[in-house]
Amino acid sequence: EHEDTGLLLHTQLEEQNYGAAAAGGTQCPSVSVSRNNPAKRDCLVVAVLCFGNLINFIDWFIVPGILLDIQKYFRLSDGKAGLLQTVFTLCYMLAAPIFGYLGDRYNRKIILGAGIFFWSGVTLGSSFITESHYRIFVLSRGLVGIGSASYSTIAPTIIADLFEEGKRTTVLSIFYIFIPVGSGCGYMLGAGMAKSTGDWHWAFRITPCMGALALLLLILLVPPRIQRRTAAHRALSISGMIRRADEKPDVHITAKTTWCQDVGSLVKNCSFVCSSLGQTAMAFVTGALGMWMPLFLYRAQVVQGIVPPCLQGSCNSSNSLIFGGITIGTGILGIIAGAEAARRLRKKNNKADPLICATSMFISSLCLYIALMVAQTNILSTFIFIAFGELFLSVNWAVVTDILLYVVTPRRQSTAIALQILVSHLLGDAGSPYLIGVISNAIQARNSPSLQWSFRSIQYSFVICAFVGVFGGGFFLLTSFYIEEDRKEAQR
């Protein structure tokens, strides 16, 4: 009993200092890294994860940034152009559950490193594809999506293991700031390289160098293993204040949990299901905007006579640069505002998180609808309302992830994130870029070819995003009805 009591005290001390506990009395391997300064160690780990997230989303949005050039190079219709992002997202979402399963059971550092190496190599290879090999280019985008899935699924769970709930929201906000920052940089990098070199292929040769640097930092600065919080939570639970010597650590229990058991438990969690459907609506809108907005702005400017049609040479890249800047600015402001609003309002209302998400979705949908309606007459107003739409859409990113992390038990978090990625992309941004392109093609086919109908086809297709956003707000409202009970259940 004295040995068990000593083990408990050791476990409590380890959790306090390192954000994780030794499982079954075995010393945590991460102690060897920055033993005397665990806070510095944790900050370095987060910095490396944020840098990887930046590269991840730069790769994701390079294609939309140079879509005009790619569309002209491969001679693509709107539908085939939208297929590029759809294939990327489909492969991303199908790979996510696999990496979620692996991330809950095996060394996460190795999985992250393999993902970075894989997607960087494929991106570099895609820069040498010629105009007669469009299908190979589509395949390369799908392979990049598989590599990206390993990162997006596992990196947030490492942050969850390093920080307590109060700090976790702040750190997750920093991590998710690099979604809009990376997305905006993807637009700007793609457009900038195409403009400066006259060849859009060079846009795919920068991020592999950044990926090599991220891989090196991951090897040098991230500990071989970061212990999961499950063991610590079990040791500190009321029912197990003194652990029996023959009790097995949670990490082994987790390894014996089947995928079906994990999924079955998550499906019964109403807060998880409703918030995931809300995020699906977010993903649908984000995917459509990210793929088509620069092209929509360009066609609006052509109709107004602001810019000439792109017939020869490199196409106008100013809209990608401006939209990239808007994405970065509104993303940073939105995520910070969402995290701060959640931090303040939680003290007054336990349902604050889903209510914040619902309100921001409703406002974002309204702003996007207004932006679409005024695009043909006033391009400045369009940019302004797009900025507000993206701002309120960005409010939700860190808040939704934090909802998942406190309504799902720690040992199922990687699986939950993977399942949420699967659902949100399957019903969200996996189909929205292609759907918008197909609807645009159908509208153009019904009317005589003209610059006016080229613009209107995209405009009418985009309206669906505003209505999907309203449905997303409704799902977040439903989440607020269940979140208190599900949170208590996860704590138990």
Protein backbone atom coordinates (compact mmCIF):
# COMPACT_ATOMS: atom_id res chain seq x y z
CA GLU A 1 0.00 0.00 0.00
CA HIS A 2 2.86 2.40 0.73
CA GLU A 3 4.35 1.63 -2.67
CA ASP A 4 0.97 2.27 -4.32
CA THR A 5 0.61 5.58 -2.46
CA GLY A 6 4.08 6.61 -3.60
CA LEU A 7 3.14 5.73 -7.16
CA LEU A 8 0.05 7.93 -6.96
CA LEU A 9 2.05 10.89 -5.64
CA HIS A 10 4.64 10.38 -8.36
CA THR A 11 1.84 10.29 -10.94
CA GLN A 12 0.33 13.52 -9.62
CA LEU A 13 3.70 15.24 -9.73
CA GLU A 14 4.34 14.04 -13.28
CA GLU A 15 0.94 15.37 -14.41
CA GLN A 16 1.57 18.73 -12.79
CA ASN A 17 5.02 19.14 -14.36
CA TYR A 18 4.68 17.50 -17.73
CA GLY A 19 0.95 17.34 -18.52
CA ALA A 20 1.05 13.53 -18.53
CA ALA A 21 1.65 10.64 -16.14
CA ALA A 22 3.72 7.49 -16.16
CA ALA A 23 1.56 4.49 -16.99
CA GLY A 24 1.79 1.66 -14.45
CA GLY A 25 4.75 3.25 -12.65
CA THR A 26 6.94 3.37 -15.78
CA GLN A 27 8.83 6.62 -16.16
CA CYS A 28 7.59 8.88 -18.93
CA PRO A 29 10.18 8.98 -21.74
CA SER A 30 9.44 12.64 -22.45
CA VAL A 31 11.06 13.61 -19.12
CA SER A 32 14.47 13.29 -20.74
CA VAL A 33 13.69 16.23 -23.01
CA SER A 34 14.05 19.56 -21.22
CA ARG A 35 13.66 17.86 -17.84
CA ASN A 36 14.38 21.05 -15.92
CA ASN A 37 12.09 23.20 -18.04
CA PRO A 38 8.99 21.26 -19.15
CA ALA A 39 7.14 24.47 -20.06
CA LYS A 40 9.82 25.30 -22.62
CA ARG A 41 9.65 21.75 -23.93
CA ASP A 42 5.90 21.99 -24.40
CA CYS A 43 6.19 25.35 -26.19
CA LEU A 44 8.78 23.92 -28.58
CA VAL A 45 6.52 20.97 -29.35
CA VAL A 46 3.58 23.29 -30.06
CA ALA A 47 5.77 25.51 -32.26
CA VAL A 48 6.82 22.52 -34.36
CA LEU A 49 3.20 21.34 -34.65
CA CYS A 50 2.06 24.82 -35.69
CA PHE A 51 4.76 25.03 -38.36
CA GLY A 52 3.66 21.67 -39.74
CA ASN A 53 0.04 22.85 -39.74
CA LEU A 54 1.09 25.94 -41.69
CA ILE A 55 2.73 23.83 -44.41
CA ASN A 56 -0.22 21.44 -44.43
CA PHE A 57 -2.69 24.16 -45.36
CA ILE A 58 -0.34 25.94 -47.76
CA ASP A 59 -0.27 22.70 -49.77
CA TRP A 60 -4.04 22.43 -49.44
CA PHE A 61 -4.76 25.82 -51.02
CA ILE A 62 -2.03 26.25 -53.61
CA VAL A 63 -4.33 24.88 -56.33
CA PRO A 64 -7.18 27.38 -55.72
CA GLY A 65 -4.60 30.19 -55.77
CA ILE A 66 -3.57 29.34 -59.34
CA LEU A 67 -6.82 27.75 -60.52
CA LEU A 68 -7.09 30.01 -63.58
CA ASP A 69 -3.66 28.94 -64.79
CA ILE A 70 -4.30 25.25 -64.08
CA GLN A 71 -7.70 25.39 -65.74
CA LYS A 72 -6.18 26.93 -68.87
CA TYR A 73 -3.12 24.61 -68.86
CA PHE A 74 -5.14 21.38 -68.72
CA ARG A 75 -8.13 22.86 -70.65
CA LEU A 76 -10.60 22.07 -67.87
CA SER A 77 -14.29 22.85 -67.43
CA ASP A 78 -15.53 24.15 -64.08
CA GLY A 79 -16.57 20.63 -63.09
CA LYS A 80 -13.16 19.07 -63.79
CA ALA A 81 -11.40 21.95 -62.06
CA GLY A 82 -13.52 21.41 -58.94
CA LEU A 83 -12.66 17.70 -59.08
CA LEU A 84 -9.06 18.51 -58.11
CA GLN A 85 -10.05 19.69 -54.65
CA THR A 86 -12.72 17.03 -54.29
CA VAL A 87 -10.24 14.18 -54.90
CA PHE A 88 -7.82 15.77 -52.42
CA THR A 89 -10.50 15.99 -49.75
CA LEU A 90 -11.93 12.51 -50.40
CA CYS A 91 -8.53 10.89 -49.94
CA TYR A 92 -7.94 13.08 -46.89
CA MET A 93 -11.16 12.04 -45.20
CA LEU A 94 -10.86 8.33 -46.07
CA ALA A 95 -7.35 8.21 -44.63
CA ALA A 96 -8.28 10.10 -41.45
CA PRO A 97 -10.00 7.18 -39.62
CA ILE A 98 -7.01 4.95 -40.34
CA PHE A 99 -4.61 7.46 -38.83
CA GLY A 100 -7.01 8.04 -35.94
CA TYR A 101 -6.93 4.33 -35.15
CA LEU A 102 -3.13 4.25 -35.41
CA GLY A 103 -2.74 7.45 -33.41
CA ASP A 104 -4.67 6.03 -30.45
CA ARG A 105 -2.44 2.95 -30.36
CA TYR A 106 1.04 3.64 -31.77
CA ASN A 107 3.85 6.19 -31.71
CA ARG A 108 2.39 9.47 -32.92
CA LYS A 109 5.74 11.11 -33.67
CA ILE A 110 6.60 8.44 -36.25
CA ILE A 111 3.18 8.79 -37.90
CA LEU A 112 3.52 12.60 -38.08
CA GLY A 113 7.01 12.38 -39.57
CA ALA A 114 5.95 9.83 -42.19
CA GLY A 115 3.01 12.04 -43.17
CA ILE A 116 5.16 15.15 -43.65
CA PHE A 117 7.73 13.21 -45.70
CA PHE A 118 5.06 11.62 -47.89
CA TRP A 119 3.03 14.72 -48.78
CA SER A 120 6.15 16.84 -49.38
CA GLY A 121 7.57 14.26 -51.78
CA VAL A 122 4.34 13.94 -53.73
CA THR A 123 3.92 17.72 -53.95
CA LEU A 124 7.40 18.06 -55.41
CA GLY A 125 6.71 15.31 -57.92
CA SER A 126 3.45 16.94 -59.05
CA SER A 127 5.36 20.04 -60.16
CA PHE A 128 6.81 18.09 -63.11
CA ILE A 129 3.51 16.81 -64.56
CA THR A 130 2.84 17.87 -68.16
CA GLU A 131 -0.41 19.05 -69.73
CA SER A 132 -1.21 15.63 -71.25
CA HIS A 133 -1.28 13.91 -67.84
CA TYR A 134 -4.21 15.55 -66.07
CA ARG A 135 -5.24 12.25 -64.42
CA ILE A 136 -1.81 11.83 -62.87
CA PHE A 137 -2.08 15.37 -61.50
CA VAL A 138 -5.46 14.49 -59.96
CA LEU A 139 -3.92 11.36 -58.44
CA SER A 140 -1.07 13.38 -56.95
CA ARG A 141 -3.55 15.70 -55.22
CA GLY A 142 -5.24 12.66 -53.69
CA LEU A 143 -1.93 11.33 -52.37
CA VAL A 144 -1.13 14.72 -50.81
CA GLY A 145 -4.52 14.50 -49.05
CA ILE A 146 -3.54 11.16 -47.51
CA GLY A 147 -0.34 12.65 -46.08
CA SER A 148 -2.23 15.67 -44.73
CA ALA A 149 -4.74 13.42 -42.94
CA SER A 150 -2.02 11.95 -40.73
CA TYR A 151 -1.17 15.41 -39.46
CA SER A 152 -4.61 16.92 -38.92
CA THR A 153 -5.81 13.83 -37.05
CA ILE A 154 -2.97 13.37 -34.60
CA ALA A 155 -1.43 16.80 -33.89
CA PRO A 156 -4.42 18.15 -31.84
CA THR A 157 -4.35 15.12 -29.55
CA ILE A 158 -0.72 15.80 -28.65
CA ILE A 159 -1.69 19.34 -27.64
CA ALA A 160 -4.58 17.92 -25.59
CA ASP A 161 -2.10 15.71 -23.71
CA LEU A 162 0.31 18.55 -22.98
CA PHE A 163 -2.10 21.12 -21.53
CA GLU A 164 -4.93 21.31 -19.02
CA GLU A 165 -8.38 22.42 -20.17
CA GLY A 166 -7.91 26.11 -19.34
CA LYS A 167 -4.70 26.48 -21.32
CA ARG A 168 -5.73 23.98 -23.95
CA THR A 169 -8.24 26.34 -25.57
CA THR A 170 -5.60 29.04 -25.93
CA VAL A 171 -3.01 26.66 -27.37
CA LEU A 172 -5.53 25.09 -29.74
CA SER A 173 -6.45 28.60 -30.88
CA ILE A 174 -2.81 29.25 -31.73
CA PHE A 175 -2.62 25.91 -33.54
CA TYR A 176 -5.79 26.57 -35.54
CA ILE A 177 -4.74 30.11 -36.42
CA PHE A 178 -2.40 28.43 -38.88
CA ILE A 179 -5.38 27.05 -40.81
CA PRO A 180 -6.36 30.47 -42.23
CA VAL A 181 -2.76 31.66 -42.23
CA GLY A 182 -1.65 28.60 -44.18
CA SER A 183 -4.66 28.83 -46.47
CA GLY A 184 -3.99 32.48 -47.22
CA CYS A 185 -0.29 31.82 -47.74
CA GLY A 186 -1.25 29.04 -50.16
CA TYR A 187 -3.19 31.52 -52.32
CA MET A 188 -0.45 34.10 -52.13
CA LEU A 189 2.42 31.67 -52.68
CA GLY A 190 0.72 30.08 -55.66
CA ALA A 191 -0.23 33.37 -57.27
CA GLY A 192 3.09 35.01 -56.45
CA MET A 193 5.22 32.20 -57.88
CA ALA A 194 3.08 31.97 -61.03
CA LYS A 195 3.40 35.70 -61.57
CA SER A 196 7.12 35.98 -60.83
CA THR A 197 8.25 32.92 -62.79
CA GLY A 198 5.56 32.80 -65.46
CA ASP A 199 5.11 29.09 -64.69
CA TRP A 200 2.59 27.90 -62.09
CA HIS A 201 4.55 24.63 -61.58
CA TRP A 202 7.06 26.48 -59.39
CA ALA A 203 4.36 27.00 -56.77
CA PHE A 204 4.66 23.27 -55.92
CA ARG A 205 8.44 23.40 -55.36
CA ILE A 206 8.54 25.65 -52.29
CA THR A 207 6.54 23.70 -49.70
CA PRO A 208 8.64 20.50 -50.03
CA CYS A 209 11.63 22.50 -48.77
CA MET A 210 9.54 23.74 -45.85
CA GLY A 211 8.38 20.17 -45.24
CA ALA A 212 11.99 18.97 -44.98
CA LEU A 213 12.64 21.64 -42.35
CA ALA A 214 9.49 20.65 -40.42
CA LEU A 215 10.57 17.00 -40.47
CA LEU A 216 14.00 17.92 -39.11
CA LEU A 217 12.45 20.01 -36.30
CA LEU A 218 10.06 17.18 -35.47
CA ILE A 219 12.95 14.72 -35.12
CA LEU A 220 15.08 17.06 -33.00
CA LEU A 221 12.56 18.82 -30.75
CA VAL A 222 9.56 16.53 -30.22
CA PRO A 223 10.01 13.75 -27.61
CA PRO A 224 9.80 10.14 -28.87
CA ARG A 225 6.63 9.66 -26.83
CA ILE A 226 4.23 12.06 -25.13
CA GLN A 227 2.22 10.15 -22.57
CA ARG A 228 -1.53 10.25 -22.88
CA ARG A 229 -3.69 11.71 -20.15
CA THR A 230 -5.72 8.56 -19.67
CA ALA A 231 -3.34 7.04 -17.14
CA ALA A 232 -3.24 10.23 -15.10
CA HIS A 233 -7.00 10.61 -15.12
CA ARG A 234 -7.40 7.06 -13.90
CA ALA A 235 -4.83 7.49 -11.14
CA LEU A 236 -6.52 10.64 -9.89
CA SER A 237 -10.10 9.40 -10.13
CA ILE A 238 -12.08 9.19 -6.92
CA SER A 239 -12.74 5.48 -7.31
CA GLY A 240 -9.06 4.65 -7.83
CA MET A 241 -7.16 6.98 -5.50
CA ILE A 242 -4.84 4.09 -4.57
CA ARG A 243 -3.96 1.97 -7.58
CA ARG A 244 -3.59 -1.75 -7.15
CA ALA A 245 -0.18 -3.12 -8.08
CA ASP A 246 -1.67 -5.63 -10.51
CA GLU A 247 -3.87 -3.11 -12.32
CA LYS A 248 -3.04 -2.65 -16.00
CA PRO A 249 -2.28 0.85 -17.28
CA ASP A 250 -4.85 2.52 -19.51
CA VAL A 251 -2.60 2.58 -22.54
CA HIS A 252 -2.93 -1.21 -22.79
CA ILE A 253 -6.66 -1.07 -22.21
CA THR A 254 -6.90 1.43 -25.06
CA ALA A 255 -4.96 -0.90 -27.33
CA LYS A 256 -7.58 -3.62 -26.75
CA THR A 257 -10.51 -1.33 -27.53
CA THR A 258 -11.94 -2.11 -30.96
CA TRP A 259 -12.77 0.47 -33.59
CA CYS A 260 -16.45 -0.54 -33.53
CA GLN A 261 -16.65 -0.04 -29.78
CA ASP A 262 -15.10 3.42 -30.04
CA VAL A 263 -17.39 4.48 -32.89
CA GLY A 264 -20.47 3.04 -31.17
CA SER A 265 -19.73 5.06 -28.06
CA LEU A 266 -19.18 8.25 -30.06
CA VAL A 267 -22.42 7.88 -32.06
CA LYS A 268 -24.36 7.84 -28.78
CA ASN A 269 -22.77 11.15 -27.80
CA CYS A 270 -25.34 13.74 -28.95
CA SER A 271 -23.02 16.71 -28.48
CA PHE A 272 -20.34 15.08 -30.60
CA VAL A 273 -22.81 14.15 -33.35
CA CYS A 274 -24.51 17.56 -33.55
CA SER A 275 -21.29 19.58 -33.34
CA SER A 276 -19.79 17.34 -36.05
CA LEU A 277 -22.76 18.07 -38.33
CA GLY A 278 -22.30 21.77 -37.60
CA GLN A 279 -18.66 21.48 -38.56
CA THR A 280 -19.74 19.64 -41.70
CA ALA A 281 -21.69 22.71 -42.76
CA MET A 282 -18.63 24.84 -41.98
CA ALA A 283 -16.48 22.55 -44.12
CA PHE A 284 -18.98 22.68 -47.01
CA VAL A 285 -18.93 26.48 -47.07
CA THR A 286 -15.18 26.75 -46.49
CA GLY A 287 -14.40 24.24 -49.24
CA ALA A 288 -16.57 26.01 -51.80
CA LEU A 289 -15.23 29.46 -50.91
CA GLY A 290 -11.64 28.29 -50.84
CA MET A 291 -11.82 26.69 -54.28
CA TRP A 292 -13.97 29.11 -56.23
CA MET A 293 -13.90 32.56 -54.63
CA PRO A 294 -10.82 33.93 -56.49
CA LEU A 295 -12.31 32.76 -59.80
CA PHE A 296 -15.72 34.21 -58.85
CA LEU A 297 -14.13 37.58 -58.08
CA TYR A 298 -12.21 37.50 -61.36
CA ARG A 299 -15.37 36.81 -63.39
CA ALA A 300 -17.22 39.56 -61.54
CA GLN A 301 -14.45 42.01 -62.46
CA VAL A 302 -14.53 40.87 -66.10
CA VAL A 303 -18.30 41.50 -66.27
CA GLN A 304 -17.82 44.97 -64.77
CA GLY A 305 -15.00 45.71 -67.24
CA ILE A 306 -12.40 46.15 -64.49
CA VAL A 307 -10.06 43.48 -65.92
CA PRO A 308 -9.84 41.90 -69.41
CA PRO A 309 -10.56 38.19 -70.01
CA CYS A 310 -7.57 35.86 -69.56
CA LEU A 311 -6.73 34.56 -73.03
CA GLN A 312 -2.93 34.39 -73.19
CA GLY A 313 -0.04 34.27 -70.74
CA SER A 314 -0.31 34.00 -66.96
CA CYS A 315 -3.78 34.92 -65.70
CA ASN A 316 -4.58 37.79 -63.32
CA SER A 317 -3.42 36.81 -59.83
CA SER A 318 -4.48 39.88 -57.86
CA ASN A 319 -7.71 38.30 -56.61
CA SER A 320 -5.83 35.31 -55.19
CA LEU A 321 -3.40 37.66 -53.44
CA ILE A 322 -6.19 39.82 -52.01
CA PHE A 323 -8.34 36.86 -51.01
CA GLY A 324 -5.29 35.23 -49.42
CA GLY A 325 -4.66 38.36 -47.37
CA ILE A 326 -8.31 38.49 -46.32
CA THR A 327 -8.19 34.81 -45.32
CA ILE A 328 -5.11 35.35 -43.16
CA GLY A 329 -6.37 38.51 -41.46
CA THR A 330 -9.93 37.38 -40.79
CA GLY A 331 -8.75 33.91 -39.75
CA ILE A 332 -6.40 35.24 -37.09
CA LEU A 333 -8.94 37.74 -35.78
CA GLY A 334 -11.79 35.24 -35.89
CA ILE A 335 -10.00 32.44 -34.04
CA ILE A 336 -8.67 34.80 -31.36
CA ALA A 337 -12.10 36.40 -30.96
CA GLY A 338 -13.79 33.00 -30.74
CA ALA A 339 -11.39 31.70 -28.12
CA GLU A 340 -11.66 34.88 -26.04
CA ALA A 341 -15.45 34.95 -26.28
CA ALA A 342 -15.58 31.29 -25.21
CA ARG A 343 -13.22 31.92 -22.29
CA ARG A 344 -15.31 34.82 -20.98
CA LEU A 345 -18.80 33.46 -21.62
CA ARG A 346 -18.12 30.00 -20.17
CA LYS A 347 -17.98 31.62 -16.75
CA LYS A 348 -21.57 32.80 -17.19
CA ASN A 349 -23.10 30.05 -19.31
CA ASN A 350 -22.07 26.39 -19.59
CA LYS A 351 -23.61 26.30 -23.08
CA ALA A 352 -21.56 29.24 -24.34
CA ASP A 353 -19.42 27.29 -26.82
CA PRO A 354 -22.20 25.90 -29.07
CA LEU A 355 -24.15 29.16 -28.82
CA ILE A 356 -21.10 31.11 -30.04
CA CYS A 357 -20.74 28.70 -32.96
CA ALA A 358 -24.44 28.95 -33.88
CA THR A 359 -24.49 32.76 -33.80
CA SER A 360 -21.34 33.09 -35.88
CA MET A 361 -22.69 30.65 -38.52
CA PHE A 362 -25.92 32.61 -38.93
CA ILE A 363 -24.07 35.93 -39.30
CA SER A 364 -21.53 34.43 -41.70
CA SER A 365 -24.27 33.04 -43.95
CA LEU A 366 -25.97 36.43 -44.14
CA CYS A 367 -22.72 38.20 -45.04
CA LEU A 368 -21.86 35.67 -47.76
CA TYR A 369 -25.31 35.98 -49.31
CA ILE A 370 -25.02 39.78 -49.47
CA ALA A 371 -21.53 39.47 -50.99
CA LEU A 372 -22.87 37.27 -53.79
CA MET A 373 -25.75 39.58 -54.56
CA VAL A 374 -23.70 42.79 -54.86
CA ALA A 375 -20.78 41.25 -56.80
CA GLN A 376 -22.00 42.31 -60.25
CA THR A 377 -22.35 45.98 -59.34
CA ASN A 378 -19.89 46.78 -56.55
CA ILE A 379 -16.72 44.71 -56.18
CA LEU A 380 -15.52 46.67 -53.13
CA SER A 381 -18.67 45.79 -51.19
CA THR A 382 -18.18 42.18 -52.23
CA PHE A 383 -14.70 42.10 -50.70
CA ILE A 384 -15.98 43.71 -47.50
CA PHE A 385 -18.84 41.24 -46.99
CA ILE A 386 -16.63 38.28 -47.90
CA ALA A 387 -14.21 39.45 -45.22
CA PHE A 388 -16.98 39.58 -42.60
CA GLY A 389 -18.30 36.19 -43.74
CA GLU A 390 -14.88 34.58 -43.35
CA LEU A 391 -14.32 36.37 -40.03
CA PHE A 392 -17.42 34.86 -38.41
CA LEU A 393 -16.76 31.49 -40.00
CA SER A 394 -13.27 31.45 -38.45
CA VAL A 395 -14.66 32.10 -34.97
CA ASN A 396 -15.66 28.44 -34.72
CA TRP A 397 -12.49 26.51 -35.57
CA ALA A 398 -10.84 26.24 -32.16
CA VAL A 399 -14.15 26.27 -30.26
CA VAL A 400 -15.53 23.24 -32.12
CA THR A 401 -12.36 21.24 -31.47
CA ASP A 402 -12.45 22.16 -27.79
CA ILE A 403 -16.06 20.96 -27.60
CA LEU A 404 -14.94 17.59 -28.93
CA LEU A 405 -12.06 17.34 -26.47
CA TYR A 406 -14.23 17.83 -23.39
CA VAL A 407 -17.28 15.77 -24.43
CA VAL A 408 -15.19 12.76 -25.50
CA THR A 409 -13.10 10.64 -23.14
CA PRO A 410 -9.32 11.06 -23.68
CA ARG A 411 -8.68 7.52 -24.90
CA ARG A 412 -11.10 8.03 -27.80
CA GLN A 413 -10.03 11.53 -28.85
CA SER A 414 -7.92 10.57 -31.88
CA THR A 415 -10.72 8.32 -33.09
CA ALA A 416 -13.28 11.08 -32.49
CA ILE A 417 -11.24 13.64 -34.41
CA ALA A 418 -10.76 11.16 -37.24
CA LEU A 419 -14.49 10.36 -37.35
CA GLN A 420 -15.35 14.05 -37.31
CA ILE A 421 -12.92 14.64 -40.17
CA LEU A 422 -14.50 11.76 -42.11
CA VAL A 423 -18.07 13.02 -41.70
CA SER A 424 -17.36 16.72 -42.15
CA HIS A 425 -15.37 16.16 -45.33
CA LEU A 426 -17.58 13.42 -46.76
CA LEU A 427 -20.68 15.58 -46.51
CA GLY A 428 -18.84 18.92 -46.60
CA ASP A 429 -15.85 20.12 -48.57
CA ALA A 430 -15.22 16.81 -50.35
CA GLY A 431 -18.24 17.45 -52.52
CA SER A 432 -18.83 21.20 -52.42
CA PRO A 433 -16.06 22.28 -54.88
CA TYR A 434 -17.15 19.67 -57.41
CA LEU A 435 -20.86 20.36 -56.80
CA ILE A 436 -20.41 24.08 -57.41
CA GLY A 437 -18.50 23.33 -60.62
CA VAL A 438 -21.11 20.87 -61.89
CA ILE A 439 -24.00 23.26 -61.19
CA SER A 440 -22.06 26.02 -62.92
CA ASN A 441 -21.53 23.80 -65.98
CA ALA A 442 -25.24 22.93 -66.07
CA ILE A 443 -26.27 26.60 -65.94
CA GLN A 444 -23.81 27.52 -68.70
CA ALA A 445 -25.06 24.64 -70.87
CA ARG A 446 -28.62 25.99 -70.69
CA ASN A 447 -27.61 29.43 -71.91
CA SER A 448 -25.60 30.86 -74.77
CA PRO A 449 -21.85 31.17 -74.04
CA SER A 450 -21.01 34.65 -72.75
CA LEU A 451 -19.00 36.42 -70.08
CA GLN A 452 -22.25 37.34 -68.34
CA TRP A 453 -23.42 33.74 -67.98
CA SER A 454 -19.93 32.60 -67.06
CA PHE A 455 -20.23 34.88 -64.02
CA ARG A 456 -23.88 34.16 -63.24
CA SER A 457 -23.33 30.40 -63.30
CA ILE A 458 -20.85 30.63 -60.43
CA GLN A 459 -22.95 33.24 -58.63
CA TYR A 460 -26.09 31.10 -58.65
CA SER A 461 -24.12 28.01 -57.65
CA PHE A 462 -22.64 29.80 -54.66
CA VAL A 463 -26.04 30.66 -53.15
CA ILE A 464 -26.31 27.11 -51.83
CA CYS A 465 -23.46 27.88 -49.40
CA ALA A 466 -25.53 30.50 -47.58
CA PHE A 467 -28.35 28.03 -46.94
CA VAL A 468 -25.96 25.28 -45.82
CA GLY A 469 -24.47 27.74 -43.33
CA VAL A 470 -27.91 28.32 -41.79
CA PHE A 471 -28.33 24.56 -41.31
CA GLY A 472 -24.94 24.48 -39.62
CA GLY A 473 -26.05 27.12 -37.15
CA GLY A 474 -29.10 25.00 -36.37
CA PHE A 475 -26.96 21.96 -35.55
CA PHE A 476 -24.85 24.01 -33.15
CA LEU A 477 -28.05 25.14 -31.43
CA LEU A 478 -28.99 21.48 -30.98
CA THR A 479 -25.57 20.85 -29.46
CA SER A 480 -26.34 23.35 -26.70
CA PHE A 481 -29.23 21.15 -25.50
CA TYR A 482 -26.95 18.17 -24.77
CA ILE A 483 -23.53 19.59 -24.01
CA GLU A 484 -23.78 19.84 -20.22
CA GLU A 485 -24.85 16.23 -19.75
CA ASP A 486 -22.28 14.86 -22.22
CA ARG A 487 -19.48 16.85 -20.63
CA LYS A 488 -20.26 15.42 -17.21
CA GLU A 489 -20.40 11.92 -18.67
CA ALA A 490 -16.95 12.34 -20.26
CA GLN A 491 -15.55 13.57 -16.93
CA ARG A 492 -16.99 10.52 -15.17
